[in-house]
Amino acid sequence: MPTLHIFPSTQFLSHLIKKEILYTFLFTYFDYNNLKLNRKELFMQQSFEVLNVKCGSCASTLKSKLAKDFGEIEVNLEVLPRKITLDMENRDLDKLAKALRELGYPLASEEMSFMDCTSAKAKSFVSCAVGKMNS
């Protein structure tokens, strides 16, 4: 009489995991390549207030440095504090905050010490200068 297995074998579970990884890959591949969905269709548009953005060169730096990870970014220079608008998922907020901080443009909602604030201002001057040279 054959043995009845109540629990799936390790080999069977391994097969299911590989199959799930394959399905995830195919879903991602078809979403981005075959369906040609853009970021606006996949993510939610969000706006954030950003400190130390002074001019168009600062905006240019933000757009170019963040484009790889976050796509197209709009920078509103007509309001204080300046606002950036981009399409992203909520789970990427920490990644965005870190990238902005590294460029010297922290989120206005962040709590920063005096030293961190001073450091961010210094970094933003350098980022602004780089933006002016690239413009």
C-alpha atoms as a PDB file:
ATOM      1  CA  MET A   1       0.000   0.000   0.000  1.00  0.00           C
ATOM      2  CA  PRO A   2       1.424   3.431  -0.938  1.00  0.00           C
ATOM      3  CA  THR A   3       2.374   5.849   1.812  1.00  0.00           C
ATOM      4  CA  LEU A   4       0.082   8.812   2.171  1.00  0.00           C
ATOM      5  CA  HIS A   5       2.012  12.029   2.830  1.00  0.00           C
ATOM      6  CA  ILE A   6       0.062  14.619   4.771  1.00  0.00           C
ATOM      7  CA  PHE A   7       2.788  17.267   4.549  1.00  0.00           C
ATOM      8  CA  PRO A   8       4.380  18.207   1.232  1.00  0.00           C
ATOM      9  CA  SER A   9       7.907  17.053   0.643  1.00  0.00           C
ATOM     10  CA  THR A  10      10.860  19.428   0.718  1.00  0.00           C
ATOM     11  CA  GLN A  11      11.356  18.886  -2.998  1.00  0.00           C
ATOM     12  CA  PHE A  12       7.735  19.805  -3.698  1.00  0.00           C
ATOM     13  CA  LEU A  13       7.999  22.951  -1.545  1.00  0.00           C
ATOM     14  CA  SER A  14      11.208  23.902  -3.322  1.00  0.00           C
ATOM     15  CA  HIS A  15       9.424  23.483  -6.643  1.00  0.00           C
ATOM     16  CA  LEU A  16       6.563  25.733  -5.470  1.00  0.00           C
ATOM     17  CA  ILE A  17       8.981  28.432  -4.299  1.00  0.00           C
ATOM     18  CA  LYS A  18      10.836  28.370  -7.620  1.00  0.00           C
ATOM     19  CA  LYS A  19       7.510  28.539  -9.436  1.00  0.00           C
ATOM     20  CA  GLU A  20       6.438  31.536  -7.326  1.00  0.00           C
ATOM     21  CA  ILE A  21       9.724  33.318  -8.078  1.00  0.00           C
ATOM     22  CA  LEU A  22       9.216  32.627 -11.769  1.00  0.00           C
ATOM     23  CA  TYR A  23       5.662  33.995 -11.647  1.00  0.00           C
ATOM     24  CA  THR A  24       6.865  37.102  -9.820  1.00  0.00           C
ATOM     25  CA  PHE A  25       9.586  37.628 -12.436  1.00  0.00           C
ATOM     26  CA  LEU A  26       7.175  37.139 -15.330  1.00  0.00           C
ATOM     27  CA  PHE A  27       4.606  39.473 -13.760  1.00  0.00           C
ATOM     28  CA  THR A  28       7.257  42.163 -13.271  1.00  0.00           C
ATOM     29  CA  TYR A  29       8.717  41.615 -16.744  1.00  0.00           C
ATOM     30  CA  PHE A  30       5.367  41.806 -18.489  1.00  0.00           C
ATOM     31  CA  ASP A  31       4.219  44.801 -16.433  1.00  0.00           C
ATOM     32  CA  TYR A  32       7.251  46.904 -17.224  1.00  0.00           C
ATOM     33  CA  ASN A  33       8.254  45.705 -20.686  1.00  0.00           C
ATOM     34  CA  ASN A  34       5.313  44.260 -22.600  1.00  0.00           C
ATOM     35  CA  LEU A  35       2.494  46.373 -21.216  1.00  0.00           C
ATOM     36  CA  LYS A  36       4.658  49.500 -21.270  1.00  0.00           C
ATOM     37  CA  LEU A  37       3.096  50.851 -18.097  1.00  0.00           C
ATOM     38  CA  ASN A  38       4.648  54.071 -16.895  1.00  0.00           C
ATOM     39  CA  ARG A  39       5.368  55.075 -13.300  1.00  0.00           C
ATOM     40  CA  LYS A  40       2.193  57.169 -13.091  1.00  0.00           C
ATOM     41  CA  GLU A  41       0.089  54.052 -13.714  1.00  0.00           C
ATOM     42  CA  LEU A  42       1.978  51.948 -11.161  1.00  0.00           C
ATOM     43  CA  PHE A  43       2.555  54.393  -8.302  1.00  0.00           C
ATOM     44  CA  MET A  44       0.707  57.114  -6.453  1.00  0.00           C
ATOM     45  CA  GLN A  45       1.663  60.768  -6.971  1.00  0.00           C
ATOM     46  CA  GLN A  46       2.870  62.358  -3.742  1.00  0.00           C
ATOM     47  CA  SER A  47       4.212  65.788  -2.754  1.00  0.00           C
ATOM     48  CA  PHE A  48       6.773  66.585  -0.067  1.00  0.00           C
ATOM     49  CA  GLU A  49       8.135  69.804   1.385  1.00  0.00           C
ATOM     50  CA  VAL A  50      11.927  69.989   1.040  1.00  0.00           C
ATOM     51  CA  LEU A  51      14.387  72.359   2.725  1.00  0.00           C
ATOM     52  CA  ASN A  52      17.416  74.214   1.287  1.00  0.00           C
ATOM     53  CA  VAL A  53      16.168  74.307  -2.319  1.00  0.00           C
ATOM     54  CA  LYS A  54      17.063  77.825  -3.398  1.00  0.00           C
ATOM     55  CA  CYS A  55      17.047  78.038  -7.181  1.00  0.00           C
ATOM     56  CA  GLY A  56      16.662  76.281 -10.511  1.00  0.00           C
ATOM     57  CA  SER A  57      20.120  74.737 -10.149  1.00  0.00           C
ATOM     58  CA  CYS A  58      19.069  73.050  -6.913  1.00  0.00           C
ATOM     59  CA  ALA A  59      15.940  71.809  -8.686  1.00  0.00           C
ATOM     60  CA  SER A  60      18.079  70.537 -11.577  1.00  0.00           C
ATOM     61  CA  THR A  61      20.294  68.624  -9.153  1.00  0.00           C
ATOM     62  CA  LEU A  62      17.270  67.043  -7.464  1.00  0.00           C
ATOM     63  CA  LYS A  63      15.766  65.994 -10.781  1.00  0.00           C
ATOM     64  CA  SER A  64      18.957  64.490 -12.158  1.00  0.00           C
ATOM     65  CA  LYS A  65      20.193  62.737  -9.001  1.00  0.00           C
ATOM     66  CA  LEU A  66      16.833  61.226  -8.054  1.00  0.00           C
ATOM     67  CA  ALA A  67      15.630  60.331 -11.555  1.00  0.00           C
ATOM     68  CA  LYS A  68      17.190  56.838 -11.566  1.00  0.00           C
ATOM     69  CA  ASP A  69      15.386  55.688  -8.419  1.00  0.00           C
ATOM     70  CA  PHE A  70      12.224  57.803  -8.525  1.00  0.00           C
ATOM     71  CA  GLY A  71      11.587  58.755 -12.153  1.00  0.00           C
ATOM     72  CA  GLU A  72      10.414  62.204 -13.153  1.00  0.00           C
ATOM     73  CA  ILE A  73      10.318  64.758 -10.334  1.00  0.00           C
ATOM     74  CA  GLU A  74       8.613  68.124 -10.380  1.00  0.00           C
ATOM     75  CA  VAL A  75      10.051  70.892  -8.183  1.00  0.00           C
ATOM     76  CA  ASN A  76       7.837  73.852  -7.280  1.00  0.00           C
ATOM     77  CA  LEU A  77      10.072  76.887  -6.685  1.00  0.00           C
ATOM     78  CA  GLU A  78       7.131  79.232  -6.093  1.00  0.00           C
ATOM     79  CA  VAL A  79       6.346  78.085  -2.543  1.00  0.00           C
ATOM     80  CA  LEU A  80       8.321  78.000   0.706  1.00  0.00           C
ATOM     81  CA  PRO A  81       9.361  75.451   1.769  1.00  0.00           C
ATOM     82  CA  ARG A  82       9.802  74.139  -1.769  1.00  0.00           C
ATOM     83  CA  LYS A  83       7.705  71.162  -2.835  1.00  0.00           C
ATOM     84  CA  ILE A  84       8.712  68.170  -4.884  1.00  0.00           C
ATOM     85  CA  THR A  85       6.128  65.952  -6.541  1.00  0.00           C
ATOM     86  CA  LEU A  86       6.851  62.429  -7.744  1.00  0.00           C
ATOM     87  CA  ASP A  87       5.237  59.058  -8.297  1.00  0.00           C
ATOM     88  CA  MET A  88       6.218  56.526  -5.651  1.00  0.00           C
ATOM     89  CA  GLU A  89       5.010  53.906  -3.214  1.00  0.00           C
ATOM     90  CA  ASN A  90       4.760  54.678   0.501  1.00  0.00           C
ATOM     91  CA  ARG A  91       7.344  51.985   1.247  1.00  0.00           C
ATOM     92  CA  ASP A  92       9.972  54.068  -0.607  1.00  0.00           C
ATOM     93  CA  LEU A  93       9.600  57.088   1.701  1.00  0.00           C
ATOM     94  CA  ASP A  94      12.653  56.195   3.804  1.00  0.00           C
ATOM     95  CA  LYS A  95      14.713  55.696   0.650  1.00  0.00           C
ATOM     96  CA  LEU A  96      13.609  59.121  -0.629  1.00  0.00           C
ATOM     97  CA  ALA A  97      14.315  60.814   2.714  1.00  0.00           C
ATOM     98  CA  LYS A  98      17.822  59.300   2.807  1.00  0.00           C
ATOM     99  CA  ALA A  99      18.588  60.324  -0.793  1.00  0.00           C
ATOM    100  CA  LEU A 100      17.387  63.886  -0.150  1.00  0.00           C
ATOM    101  CA  ARG A 101      19.391  64.117   3.076  1.00  0.00           C
ATOM    102  CA  GLU A 102      22.563  62.937   1.291  1.00  0.00           C
ATOM    103  CA  LEU A 103      22.115  65.714  -1.295  1.00  0.00           C
ATOM    104  CA  GLY A 104      21.554  68.322   1.432  1.00  0.00           C
ATOM    105  CA  TYR A 105      17.832  68.753   0.835  1.00  0.00           C
ATOM    106  CA  PRO A 106      16.083  67.078   3.799  1.00  0.00           C
ATOM    107  CA  LEU A 107      12.333  66.710   4.102  1.00  0.00           C
ATOM    108  CA  ALA A 108      10.801  69.599   6.056  1.00  0.00           C
ATOM    109  CA  SER A 109       9.054  67.059   8.293  1.00  0.00           C
ATOM    110  CA  GLU A 110      12.353  65.555   9.520  1.00  0.00           C
ATOM    111  CA  GLU A 111      13.634  66.269  13.014  1.00  0.00           C
ATOM    112  CA  MET A 112      17.278  67.319  12.714  1.00  0.00           C
ATOM    113  CA  SER A 113      19.922  68.360  15.204  1.00  0.00           C
ATOM    114  CA  PHE A 114      21.814  71.625  14.777  1.00  0.00           C
ATOM    115  CA  MET A 115      24.825  69.786  13.355  1.00  0.00           C
ATOM    116  CA  ASP A 116      22.708  67.776  10.902  1.00  0.00           C
ATOM    117  CA  CYS A 117      20.919  70.940   9.790  1.00  0.00           C
ATOM    118  CA  THR A 118      24.223  72.793   9.276  1.00  0.00           C
ATOM    119  CA  SER A 119      25.679  69.826   7.399  1.00  0.00           C
ATOM    120  CA  ALA A 120      22.600  69.661   5.140  1.00  0.00           C
ATOM    121  CA  LYS A 121      22.928  73.359   4.298  1.00  0.00           C
ATOM    122  CA  ALA A 122      26.593  72.903   3.370  1.00  0.00           C
ATOM    123  CA  LYS A 123      25.771  69.880   1.199  1.00  0.00           C
ATOM    124  CA  SER A 124      22.982  71.812  -0.509  1.00  0.00           C
ATOM    125  CA  PHE A 125      25.413  74.593  -1.496  1.00  0.00           C
ATOM    126  CA  VAL A 126      27.666  72.008  -3.127  1.00  0.00           C
ATOM    127  CA  SER A 127      24.695  70.335  -4.846  1.00  0.00           C
ATOM    128  CA  CYS A 128      23.523  73.745  -6.070  1.00  0.00           C
ATOM    129  CA  ALA A 129      26.980  74.525  -7.498  1.00  0.00           C
ATOM    130  CA  VAL A 130      27.063  71.136  -9.265  1.00  0.00           C
ATOM    131  CA  GLY A 131      23.613  71.880 -10.695  1.00  0.00           C
ATOM    132  CA  LYS A 132      24.839  75.253 -12.011  1.00  0.00           C
ATOM    133  CA  MET A 133      27.854  73.653 -13.700  1.00  0.00           C
ATOM    134  CA  ASN A 134      25.676  70.977 -15.341  1.00  0.00           C
ATOM    135  CA  SER A 135      23.079  73.493 -16.582  1.00  0.00           C
END
